[in-house]
Amino acid sequence: MWLCAAVSACGPCSTSETKLEPLFDLPSFQLERHDGTGILSREDLLGRITVADFMFTRCPSFCPMLTARMQDLQAATATSVPEALFLSISVDPDHDTPKVLQRYIRAHEVDTHNWLFLTGPAGEVKRAIEGGFRVRAGERVPDPEGGDGFDITHSRTFVLVGPAASVIGYYRVDTDGLEQLAKDMQRLRKLIEQ
């Protein structure tokens, strides 16, 4: 069961001012880091506040904006939640090798001190995204602009993962959604410190 539609803005599913309780635990997964330093697994998320999104480097439409919004969130929480981890998982793993992801990172001037781009075998990526984060990803469709290229449907939301590697909520990437996500990251940090 998916909690977010493939390309929806996921309006009411962000946590608002409710309790920050886990929706479900992420299952085990293993994805390859963009920097060639090995594998990131579920266990690496334990004890961390993590925000994940889903993208691909050849995206003709939405992905560069997702990257820019993640950069905004990274900057907005740099002081209030400095230990946060940001993840961008490619929905086009056959093309998006670590070297390709590194080119994308350079082109978009991404600060990777606490932000990883992830890829891996297509089956493992699909299992992590759809079976783990419970969002749709990976269906190729014609270019929405009518060009010769293609698009890949995927979630346009950010996913907040708590320190027990449990999904806490889904957030729109508009101004209100990002403000709520930043607040919830700070609230989660305070709960951890208690």
N, C-alpha and C. Protein backbone atom coordinates (compact mmCIF):
# COMPACT_ATOMS: atom_id res chain seq x y z
N MET A 1 0.84 -1.18 0.00
CA MET A 1 0.00 0.00 0.00
C MET A 1 0.88 1.24 0.00
N TRP A 2 0.57 2.17 -0.89
CA TRP A 2 1.31 3.42 -0.94
C TRP A 2 0.58 4.47 -0.15
N LEU A 3 1.33 5.26 0.59
CA LEU A 3 0.72 6.33 1.36
C LEU A 3 0.68 7.62 0.58
N CYS A 4 1.48 7.74 -0.47
CA CYS A 4 1.49 8.95 -1.29
C CYS A 4 1.33 8.55 -2.74
N ALA A 5 0.62 9.34 -3.50
CA ALA A 5 0.45 9.07 -4.93
C ALA A 5 1.74 9.34 -5.67
N ALA A 6 1.84 8.83 -6.87
CA ALA A 6 3.08 8.91 -7.63
C ALA A 6 3.59 10.31 -7.80
N VAL A 7 2.73 11.24 -8.16
CA VAL A 7 3.21 12.60 -8.40
C VAL A 7 2.34 13.62 -7.68
N SER A 8 1.66 13.22 -6.64
CA SER A 8 0.79 14.16 -5.94
C SER A 8 1.60 15.12 -5.09
N ALA A 9 0.96 16.20 -4.72
CA ALA A 9 1.59 17.17 -3.81
C ALA A 9 1.43 16.72 -2.38
N CYS A 10 0.61 15.72 -2.14
CA CYS A 10 0.48 15.10 -0.82
C CYS A 10 0.09 16.09 0.25
N GLY A 11 -0.90 16.91 -0.04
CA GLY A 11 -1.30 17.99 0.85
C GLY A 11 -1.55 17.62 2.30
N PRO A 12 -2.59 16.85 2.61
CA PRO A 12 -2.95 16.65 4.00
C PRO A 12 -2.07 15.66 4.74
N CYS A 13 -1.06 15.08 4.08
CA CYS A 13 -0.33 14.03 4.77
C CYS A 13 0.85 14.54 5.58
N SER A 14 1.18 15.83 5.54
CA SER A 14 2.22 16.33 6.43
C SER A 14 1.65 16.39 7.84
N THR A 15 2.52 16.42 8.83
CA THR A 15 2.08 16.16 10.20
C THR A 15 1.44 17.33 10.91
N SER A 16 1.49 18.54 10.35
CA SER A 16 0.90 19.71 10.96
C SER A 16 1.39 19.83 12.41
N GLU A 17 0.49 20.09 13.36
CA GLU A 17 0.91 20.22 14.75
C GLU A 17 0.53 18.97 15.56
N THR A 18 0.45 17.85 14.91
CA THR A 18 0.12 16.60 15.59
C THR A 18 1.37 16.03 16.25
N LYS A 19 1.19 14.96 16.98
CA LYS A 19 2.32 14.28 17.57
C LYS A 19 3.20 13.70 16.47
N LEU A 20 4.47 13.69 16.72
CA LEU A 20 5.42 13.15 15.75
C LEU A 20 5.64 11.67 16.02
N GLU A 21 4.62 10.89 15.72
CA GLU A 21 4.69 9.46 15.98
C GLU A 21 4.98 8.71 14.69
N PRO A 22 5.71 7.62 14.77
CA PRO A 22 6.03 6.85 13.57
C PRO A 22 4.79 6.31 12.89
N LEU A 23 4.79 6.39 11.56
CA LEU A 23 3.72 5.77 10.77
C LEU A 23 4.03 4.30 10.56
N PHE A 24 5.30 3.98 10.28
CA PHE A 24 5.74 2.60 10.08
C PHE A 24 7.27 2.59 10.05
N ASP A 25 7.85 1.43 10.31
CA ASP A 25 9.31 1.27 10.26
C ASP A 25 9.75 1.00 8.83
N LEU A 26 10.88 1.60 8.46
CA LEU A 26 11.48 1.25 7.18
C LEU A 26 12.02 -0.17 7.25
N PRO A 27 11.84 -0.95 6.21
CA PRO A 27 12.47 -2.27 6.18
C PRO A 27 13.95 -2.13 5.83
N SER A 28 14.66 -3.20 5.90
CA SER A 28 16.08 -3.20 5.54
C SER A 28 16.24 -2.85 4.06
N PHE A 29 17.28 -2.07 3.75
CA PHE A 29 17.63 -1.77 2.36
C PHE A 29 19.12 -1.48 2.30
N GLN A 30 19.67 -1.53 1.11
CA GLN A 30 21.08 -1.22 0.89
C GLN A 30 21.21 -0.50 -0.45
N LEU A 31 21.60 0.77 -0.39
CA LEU A 31 21.76 1.58 -1.59
C LEU A 31 23.17 2.14 -1.65
N GLU A 32 23.66 2.33 -2.86
CA GLU A 32 25.04 2.77 -3.09
C GLU A 32 25.14 4.29 -3.00
N ARG A 33 26.14 4.76 -2.26
CA ARG A 33 26.38 6.19 -2.09
C ARG A 33 27.02 6.78 -3.35
N HIS A 34 26.69 8.04 -3.63
CA HIS A 34 27.22 8.71 -4.81
C HIS A 34 28.74 8.89 -4.77
N ASP A 35 29.30 8.95 -3.58
CA ASP A 35 30.72 9.27 -3.44
C ASP A 35 31.63 8.05 -3.47
N GLY A 36 31.05 6.87 -3.71
CA GLY A 36 31.85 5.66 -3.81
C GLY A 36 32.35 5.12 -2.49
N THR A 37 31.80 5.62 -1.37
CA THR A 37 32.28 5.17 -0.06
C THR A 37 31.52 3.96 0.46
N GLY A 38 30.71 3.36 -0.38
CA GLY A 38 30.04 2.14 0.05
C GLY A 38 28.54 2.24 0.03
N ILE A 39 27.93 1.50 0.93
CA ILE A 39 26.48 1.30 0.97
C ILE A 39 25.88 2.08 2.13
N LEU A 40 24.70 2.63 1.90
CA LEU A 40 23.90 3.19 2.99
C LEU A 40 22.76 2.21 3.24
N SER A 41 22.55 1.87 4.50
CA SER A 41 21.49 0.93 4.86
C SER A 41 20.56 1.56 5.87
N ARG A 42 19.49 0.87 6.16
CA ARG A 42 18.54 1.32 7.18
C ARG A 42 19.26 1.59 8.51
N GLU A 43 20.21 0.75 8.84
CA GLU A 43 20.91 0.90 10.11
C GLU A 43 21.66 2.23 10.20
N ASP A 44 22.07 2.78 9.07
CA ASP A 44 22.77 4.07 9.07
C ASP A 44 21.84 5.23 9.43
N LEU A 45 20.54 5.00 9.38
CA LEU A 45 19.58 6.05 9.72
C LEU A 45 19.23 6.06 11.21
N LEU A 46 19.59 5.00 11.91
CA LEU A 46 19.26 4.91 13.34
C LEU A 46 19.96 6.04 14.10
N GLY A 47 19.19 6.71 14.95
CA GLY A 47 19.72 7.81 15.74
C GLY A 47 19.79 9.13 15.00
N ARG A 48 19.33 9.17 13.75
CA ARG A 48 19.42 10.39 12.93
C ARG A 48 18.02 10.90 12.59
N ILE A 49 17.96 12.18 12.28
CA ILE A 49 16.78 12.77 11.68
C ILE A 49 17.10 12.87 10.19
N THR A 50 16.30 12.23 9.37
CA THR A 50 16.60 12.10 7.94
C THR A 50 15.43 12.62 7.11
N VAL A 51 15.76 13.29 6.02
CA VAL A 51 14.76 13.72 5.04
C VAL A 51 15.16 13.11 3.70
N ALA A 52 14.22 12.44 3.05
CA ALA A 52 14.49 11.79 1.77
C ALA A 52 13.59 12.36 0.68
N ASP A 53 14.14 12.39 -0.53
CA ASP A 53 13.34 12.68 -1.71
C ASP A 53 13.76 11.75 -2.83
N PHE A 54 13.07 11.85 -3.96
CA PHE A 54 13.24 10.91 -5.06
C PHE A 54 13.37 11.72 -6.34
N MET A 55 14.39 11.40 -7.15
CA MET A 55 14.71 12.22 -8.31
C MET A 55 15.45 11.39 -9.34
N PHE A 56 15.76 12.01 -10.50
CA PHE A 56 16.69 11.40 -11.44
C PHE A 56 17.35 12.49 -12.26
N THR A 57 18.56 12.22 -12.69
CA THR A 57 19.40 13.28 -13.26
C THR A 57 18.95 13.74 -14.64
N ARG A 58 18.24 12.92 -15.39
CA ARG A 58 17.77 13.31 -16.73
C ARG A 58 16.36 13.87 -16.70
N CYS A 59 15.86 14.19 -15.53
CA CYS A 59 14.49 14.66 -15.35
C CYS A 59 14.24 15.93 -16.15
N PRO A 60 13.22 15.93 -17.03
CA PRO A 60 12.94 17.11 -17.83
C PRO A 60 12.02 18.11 -17.14
N SER A 61 11.59 17.80 -15.94
CA SER A 61 10.56 18.65 -15.34
C SER A 61 10.84 19.04 -13.89
N PHE A 62 10.55 18.19 -12.96
CA PHE A 62 10.39 18.56 -11.56
C PHE A 62 11.65 18.42 -10.69
N CYS A 63 12.57 17.54 -11.06
CA CYS A 63 13.68 17.19 -10.17
C CYS A 63 14.63 18.34 -9.82
N PRO A 64 15.01 19.20 -10.77
CA PRO A 64 15.87 20.31 -10.36
C PRO A 64 15.22 21.19 -9.28
N MET A 65 13.89 21.35 -9.35
CA MET A 65 13.20 22.12 -8.31
C MET A 65 13.23 21.38 -6.97
N LEU A 66 13.07 20.04 -7.01
CA LEU A 66 13.18 19.28 -5.76
C LEU A 66 14.56 19.46 -5.14
N THR A 67 15.59 19.42 -5.96
CA THR A 67 16.95 19.61 -5.46
C THR A 67 17.11 21.00 -4.86
N ALA A 68 16.58 22.01 -5.53
CA ALA A 68 16.66 23.38 -5.00
C ALA A 68 15.92 23.51 -3.68
N ARG A 69 14.75 22.85 -3.57
CA ARG A 69 13.99 22.92 -2.32
C ARG A 69 14.72 22.19 -1.20
N MET A 70 15.38 21.08 -1.52
CA MET A 70 16.16 20.37 -0.51
C MET A 70 17.34 21.24 -0.06
N GLN A 71 17.95 21.97 -1.00
CA GLN A 71 19.02 22.90 -0.63
C GLN A 71 18.49 23.96 0.33
N ASP A 72 17.29 24.48 0.05
CA ASP A 72 16.68 25.47 0.95
C ASP A 72 16.47 24.88 2.34
N LEU A 73 15.97 23.65 2.40
CA LEU A 73 15.72 23.00 3.69
C LEU A 73 17.03 22.74 4.42
N GLN A 74 18.04 22.29 3.69
CA GLN A 74 19.35 22.05 4.29
C GLN A 74 19.89 23.33 4.92
N ALA A 75 19.78 24.45 4.21
CA ALA A 75 20.26 25.73 4.73
C ALA A 75 19.42 26.20 5.92
N ALA A 76 18.10 26.01 5.83
CA ALA A 76 17.20 26.48 6.88
C ALA A 76 17.38 25.73 8.19
N THR A 77 17.85 24.48 8.14
CA THR A 77 18.00 23.67 9.35
C THR A 77 19.46 23.46 9.75
N ALA A 78 20.37 24.14 9.08
CA ALA A 78 21.81 23.93 9.35
C ALA A 78 22.18 24.22 10.80
N THR A 79 21.56 25.20 11.41
CA THR A 79 21.86 25.55 12.80
C THR A 79 20.94 24.83 13.77
N SER A 80 19.65 24.72 13.43
CA SER A 80 18.68 24.16 14.37
C SER A 80 18.71 22.63 14.42
N VAL A 81 19.08 21.97 13.31
CA VAL A 81 19.16 20.50 13.27
C VAL A 81 20.44 20.13 12.50
N PRO A 82 21.61 20.46 13.05
CA PRO A 82 22.85 20.28 12.30
C PRO A 82 23.19 18.82 12.00
N GLU A 83 22.65 17.90 12.76
CA GLU A 83 22.95 16.47 12.54
C GLU A 83 22.03 15.82 11.52
N ALA A 84 21.12 16.60 10.93
CA ALA A 84 20.18 16.03 9.95
C ALA A 84 20.93 15.42 8.77
N LEU A 85 20.34 14.38 8.22
CA LEU A 85 20.87 13.71 7.03
C LEU A 85 19.84 13.87 5.92
N PHE A 86 20.31 14.24 4.74
CA PHE A 86 19.44 14.42 3.58
C PHE A 86 19.80 13.35 2.54
N LEU A 87 18.76 12.73 1.97
CA LEU A 87 18.95 11.67 0.99
C LEU A 87 18.16 11.98 -0.26
N SER A 88 18.78 11.84 -1.42
CA SER A 88 18.09 11.90 -2.70
C SER A 88 18.33 10.57 -3.39
N ILE A 89 17.24 9.85 -3.62
CA ILE A 89 17.32 8.50 -4.18
C ILE A 89 16.89 8.54 -5.64
N SER A 90 17.76 8.06 -6.52
CA SER A 90 17.46 8.08 -7.95
C SER A 90 16.42 7.03 -8.31
N VAL A 91 15.44 7.44 -9.11
CA VAL A 91 14.43 6.51 -9.62
C VAL A 91 14.83 5.99 -11.01
N ASP A 92 16.04 6.33 -11.45
CA ASP A 92 16.58 5.89 -12.75
C ASP A 92 17.96 5.26 -12.52
N PRO A 93 18.02 4.21 -11.69
CA PRO A 93 19.32 3.69 -11.27
C PRO A 93 20.15 3.07 -12.40
N ASP A 94 19.53 2.63 -13.47
CA ASP A 94 20.31 2.06 -14.57
C ASP A 94 21.18 3.13 -15.24
N HIS A 95 20.73 4.36 -15.23
CA HIS A 95 21.50 5.47 -15.79
C HIS A 95 22.30 6.21 -14.72
N ASP A 96 21.68 6.42 -13.57
CA ASP A 96 22.27 7.27 -12.53
C ASP A 96 23.28 6.49 -11.68
N THR A 97 24.43 6.26 -12.25
CA THR A 97 25.54 5.65 -11.53
C THR A 97 26.13 6.68 -10.56
N PRO A 98 26.99 6.27 -9.66
CA PRO A 98 27.62 7.25 -8.79
C PRO A 98 28.32 8.39 -9.56
N LYS A 99 28.97 8.07 -10.67
CA LYS A 99 29.65 9.13 -11.45
C LYS A 99 28.65 10.11 -12.04
N VAL A 100 27.53 9.60 -12.54
CA VAL A 100 26.49 10.49 -13.09
C VAL A 100 25.91 11.36 -11.98
N LEU A 101 25.66 10.76 -10.81
CA LEU A 101 25.15 11.53 -9.67
C LEU A 101 26.15 12.61 -9.26
N GLN A 102 27.44 12.30 -9.30
CA GLN A 102 28.45 13.30 -8.95
C GLN A 102 28.41 14.49 -9.91
N ARG A 103 28.20 14.23 -11.21
CA ARG A 103 28.08 15.34 -12.18
C ARG A 103 26.86 16.20 -11.86
N TYR A 104 25.75 15.55 -11.52
CA TYR A 104 24.53 16.29 -11.16
C TYR A 104 24.78 17.15 -9.92
N ILE A 105 25.44 16.59 -8.94
CA ILE A 105 25.75 17.31 -7.71
C ILE A 105 26.59 18.55 -8.01
N ARG A 106 27.61 18.39 -8.85
CA ARG A 106 28.45 19.55 -9.21
C ARG A 106 27.64 20.59 -9.97
N ALA A 107 26.82 20.14 -10.92
CA ALA A 107 26.04 21.07 -11.73
C ALA A 107 25.05 21.88 -10.88
N HIS A 108 24.55 21.27 -9.81
CA HIS A 108 23.57 21.95 -8.96
C HIS A 108 24.20 22.51 -7.68
N GLU A 109 25.51 22.45 -7.60
CA GLU A 109 26.26 23.02 -6.46
C GLU A 109 25.70 22.56 -5.12
N VAL A 110 25.53 21.24 -4.99
CA VAL A 110 24.99 20.64 -3.78
C VAL A 110 26.08 20.51 -2.72
N ASP A 111 25.75 20.90 -1.50
CA ASP A 111 26.63 20.72 -0.35
C ASP A 111 26.42 19.31 0.19
N THR A 112 27.41 18.45 0.00
CA THR A 112 27.25 17.04 0.36
C THR A 112 27.79 16.68 1.75
N HIS A 113 28.03 17.66 2.59
CA HIS A 113 28.55 17.30 3.91
C HIS A 113 27.56 16.47 4.72
N ASN A 114 26.26 16.64 4.48
CA ASN A 114 25.25 15.81 5.15
C ASN A 114 24.13 15.42 4.18
N TRP A 115 24.48 15.34 2.90
CA TRP A 115 23.48 15.02 1.86
C TRP A 115 24.08 13.97 0.94
N LEU A 116 23.42 12.83 0.86
CA LEU A 116 23.86 11.74 0.00
C LEU A 116 22.87 11.51 -1.13
N PHE A 117 23.39 11.25 -2.31
CA PHE A 117 22.59 10.80 -3.43
C PHE A 117 22.82 9.30 -3.55
N LEU A 118 21.74 8.55 -3.76
CA LEU A 118 21.80 7.10 -3.69
C LEU A 118 21.29 6.45 -4.96
N THR A 119 21.88 5.32 -5.29
CA THR A 119 21.50 4.52 -6.44
C THR A 119 21.72 3.05 -6.08
N GLY A 120 21.68 2.19 -7.07
CA GLY A 120 21.91 0.78 -6.82
C GLY A 120 21.24 -0.06 -7.87
N PRO A 121 21.23 -1.38 -7.69
CA PRO A 121 20.52 -2.24 -8.62
C PRO A 121 19.03 -1.85 -8.66
N ALA A 122 18.45 -1.87 -9.86
CA ALA A 122 17.07 -1.39 -10.04
C ALA A 122 16.08 -2.06 -9.08
N GLY A 123 16.21 -3.36 -8.89
CA GLY A 123 15.30 -4.07 -7.99
C GLY A 123 15.40 -3.60 -6.55
N GLU A 124 16.62 -3.34 -6.10
CA GLU A 124 16.83 -2.88 -4.72
C GLU A 124 16.32 -1.45 -4.55
N VAL A 125 16.54 -0.61 -5.56
CA VAL A 125 16.05 0.76 -5.49
C VAL A 125 14.52 0.77 -5.44
N LYS A 126 13.89 0.00 -6.31
CA LYS A 126 12.42 -0.06 -6.33
C LYS A 126 11.89 -0.58 -5.00
N ARG A 127 12.54 -1.60 -4.48
CA ARG A 127 12.10 -2.17 -3.19
C ARG A 127 12.23 -1.13 -2.07
N ALA A 128 13.33 -0.39 -2.07
CA ALA A 128 13.54 0.63 -1.03
C ALA A 128 12.52 1.75 -1.14
N ILE A 129 12.25 2.21 -2.37
CA ILE A 129 11.33 3.33 -2.55
C ILE A 129 9.88 2.91 -2.33
N GLU A 130 9.45 1.88 -3.06
CA GLU A 130 8.04 1.51 -2.98
C GLU A 130 7.72 0.66 -1.75
N GLY A 131 8.57 -0.29 -1.44
CA GLY A 131 8.32 -1.14 -0.29
C GLY A 131 8.75 -0.52 1.02
N GLY A 132 9.74 0.38 0.97
CA GLY A 132 10.26 0.99 2.18
C GLY A 132 9.60 2.32 2.50
N PHE A 133 9.80 3.30 1.63
CA PHE A 133 9.24 4.64 1.87
C PHE A 133 7.76 4.72 1.49
N ARG A 134 7.28 3.70 0.79
CA ARG A 134 5.88 3.57 0.40
C ARG A 134 5.40 4.72 -0.49
N VAL A 135 6.22 5.06 -1.47
CA VAL A 135 5.83 6.00 -2.51
C VAL A 135 6.07 5.33 -3.85
N ARG A 136 5.35 5.75 -4.87
CA ARG A 136 5.52 5.17 -6.19
C ARG A 136 6.73 5.78 -6.87
N ALA A 137 7.33 4.98 -7.74
CA ALA A 137 8.47 5.47 -8.50
C ALA A 137 8.77 4.52 -9.64
N GLY A 138 9.27 5.07 -10.73
CA GLY A 138 9.85 4.24 -11.75
C GLY A 138 9.08 4.00 -13.02
N GLU A 139 7.87 4.52 -13.17
CA GLU A 139 7.14 4.29 -14.41
C GLU A 139 7.54 5.35 -15.44
N ARG A 140 8.08 4.90 -16.58
CA ARG A 140 8.47 5.83 -17.65
C ARG A 140 7.24 6.28 -18.42
N VAL A 141 7.17 7.58 -18.69
CA VAL A 141 6.08 8.16 -19.47
C VAL A 141 6.69 9.12 -20.48
N PRO A 142 5.97 9.41 -21.57
CA PRO A 142 6.50 10.38 -22.54
C PRO A 142 6.76 11.74 -21.89
N ASP A 143 7.70 12.48 -22.47
CA ASP A 143 8.04 13.81 -21.99
C ASP A 143 6.78 14.66 -21.92
N PRO A 144 6.46 15.24 -20.73
CA PRO A 144 5.25 16.05 -20.60
C PRO A 144 5.29 17.31 -21.46
N GLU A 145 6.50 17.72 -21.87
CA GLU A 145 6.64 18.89 -22.73
C GLU A 145 6.49 18.53 -24.20
N GLY A 146 6.29 17.25 -24.50
CA GLY A 146 6.09 16.82 -25.87
C GLY A 146 7.37 16.58 -26.65
N GLY A 147 8.52 16.60 -25.99
CA GLY A 147 9.79 16.37 -26.66
C GLY A 147 10.04 14.90 -26.93
N ASP A 148 11.27 14.62 -27.38
CA ASP A 148 11.64 13.24 -27.71
C ASP A 148 12.02 12.42 -26.47
N GLY A 149 12.19 13.08 -25.34
CA GLY A 149 12.66 12.40 -24.14
C GLY A 149 11.54 11.68 -23.41
N PHE A 150 11.74 11.51 -22.13
CA PHE A 150 10.78 10.80 -21.29
C PHE A 150 10.82 11.40 -19.90
N ASP A 151 9.87 11.03 -19.11
CA ASP A 151 9.85 11.38 -17.70
C ASP A 151 9.66 10.07 -16.95
N ILE A 152 9.95 10.07 -15.68
CA ILE A 152 9.70 8.93 -14.82
C ILE A 152 8.82 9.42 -13.68
N THR A 153 7.65 8.82 -13.53
CA THR A 153 6.78 9.25 -12.44
C THR A 153 7.42 8.88 -11.11
N HIS A 154 7.32 9.80 -10.19
CA HIS A 154 7.85 9.56 -8.85
C HIS A 154 7.26 10.57 -7.88
N SER A 155 7.40 10.28 -6.62
CA SER A 155 6.87 11.15 -5.58
C SER A 155 7.53 12.52 -5.63
N ARG A 156 6.72 13.53 -5.45
CA ARG A 156 7.21 14.91 -5.36
C ARG A 156 7.09 15.42 -3.94
N THR A 157 7.29 14.55 -3.00
CA THR A 157 7.20 14.91 -1.58
C THR A 157 8.54 14.63 -0.91
N PHE A 158 8.72 15.25 0.24
CA PHE A 158 9.85 14.93 1.10
C PHE A 158 9.32 14.03 2.21
N VAL A 159 10.13 13.07 2.61
CA VAL A 159 9.74 12.11 3.63
C VAL A 159 10.63 12.32 4.85
N LEU A 160 10.01 12.53 6.01
CA LEU A 160 10.74 12.68 7.27
C LEU A 160 10.85 11.32 7.94
N VAL A 161 12.08 10.95 8.28
CA VAL A 161 12.36 9.68 8.95
C VAL A 161 12.96 9.99 10.32
N GLY A 162 12.42 9.38 11.34
CA GLY A 162 12.88 9.63 12.70
C GLY A 162 14.06 8.76 13.09
N PRO A 163 14.55 8.92 14.33
CA PRO A 163 15.77 8.24 14.77
C PRO A 163 15.64 6.73 14.94
N ALA A 164 14.43 6.20 14.91
CA ALA A 164 14.24 4.74 14.96
C ALA A 164 14.12 4.17 13.55
N ALA A 165 14.49 4.97 12.53
CA ALA A 165 14.36 4.59 11.12
C ALA A 165 12.91 4.28 10.77
N SER A 166 12.02 5.13 11.30
CA SER A 166 10.59 5.03 11.04
C SER A 166 10.13 6.28 10.29
N VAL A 167 9.24 6.09 9.34
CA VAL A 167 8.69 7.24 8.62
C VAL A 167 7.74 7.99 9.55
N ILE A 168 7.96 9.29 9.65
CA ILE A 168 7.16 10.17 10.51
C ILE A 168 6.09 10.89 9.70
N GLY A 169 6.42 11.34 8.47
CA GLY A 169 5.45 12.07 7.67
C GLY A 169 5.94 12.36 6.27
N TYR A 170 4.99 12.82 5.44
CA TYR A 170 5.23 13.21 4.06
C TYR A 170 4.89 14.70 3.95
N TYR A 171 5.70 15.44 3.20
CA TYR A 171 5.56 16.89 3.15
C TYR A 171 5.58 17.41 1.73
N ARG A 172 4.68 18.34 1.44
CA ARG A 172 4.70 19.03 0.16
C ARG A 172 5.98 19.86 0.07
N VAL A 173 6.36 20.21 -1.14
CA VAL A 173 7.59 21.00 -1.32
C VAL A 173 7.29 22.46 -1.62
N ASP A 174 6.08 22.90 -1.28
CA ASP A 174 5.79 24.33 -1.37
C ASP A 174 6.27 25.01 -0.09
N THR A 175 6.11 26.32 -0.01
CA THR A 175 6.61 27.07 1.14
C THR A 175 6.02 26.57 2.45
N ASP A 176 4.70 26.37 2.49
CA ASP A 176 4.07 25.90 3.73
C ASP A 176 4.57 24.51 4.13
N GLY A 177 4.68 23.61 3.15
CA GLY A 177 5.16 22.26 3.45
C GLY A 177 6.58 22.26 3.98
N LEU A 178 7.45 23.06 3.37
CA LEU A 178 8.85 23.10 3.83
C LEU A 178 8.97 23.75 5.21
N GLU A 179 8.17 24.77 5.47
CA GLU A 179 8.19 25.39 6.80
C GLU A 179 7.75 24.39 7.85
N GLN A 180 6.69 23.63 7.55
CA GLN A 180 6.22 22.63 8.50
C GLN A 180 7.27 21.54 8.71
N LEU A 181 7.91 21.12 7.64
CA LEU A 181 8.94 20.09 7.76
C LEU A 181 10.09 20.58 8.63
N ALA A 182 10.55 21.80 8.41
CA ALA A 182 11.63 22.35 9.24
C ALA A 182 11.22 22.40 10.71
N LYS A 183 9.98 22.81 10.97
CA LYS A 183 9.48 22.86 12.36
C LYS A 183 9.45 21.46 12.95
N ASP A 184 8.96 20.49 12.18
CA ASP A 184 8.86 19.13 12.70
C ASP A 184 10.24 18.51 12.93
N MET A 185 11.21 18.86 12.09
CA MET A 185 12.58 18.40 12.33
C MET A 185 13.09 18.95 13.66
N GLN A 186 12.81 20.21 13.93
CA GLN A 186 13.24 20.82 15.20
C GLN A 186 12.51 20.21 16.38
N ARG A 187 11.20 19.97 16.22
CA ARG A 187 10.43 19.34 17.29
C ARG A 187 10.94 17.93 17.57
N LEU A 188 11.27 17.21 16.51
CA LEU A 188 11.78 15.85 16.67
C LEU A 188 13.12 15.87 17.40
N ARG A 189 13.95 16.82 17.06
CA ARG A 189 15.25 16.94 17.74
C ARG A 189 15.06 17.19 19.24
N LYS A 190 14.11 18.05 19.59
CA LYS A 190 13.84 18.34 21.02
C LYS A 190 13.35 17.08 21.73
N LEU A 191 12.50 16.30 21.05
CA LEU A 191 12.02 15.05 21.66
C LEU A 191 13.18 14.07 21.90
N ILE A 192 14.11 14.02 20.99
CA ILE A 192 15.26 13.13 21.13
C ILE A 192 16.12 13.56 22.31
N GLU A 193 16.26 14.87 22.50
CA GLU A 193 17.13 15.39 23.56
C GLU A 193 16.54 15.21 24.95
N GLN A 194 15.22 14.97 25.04
CA GLN A 194 14.58 14.84 26.36
C GLN A 194 14.96 13.55 27.04
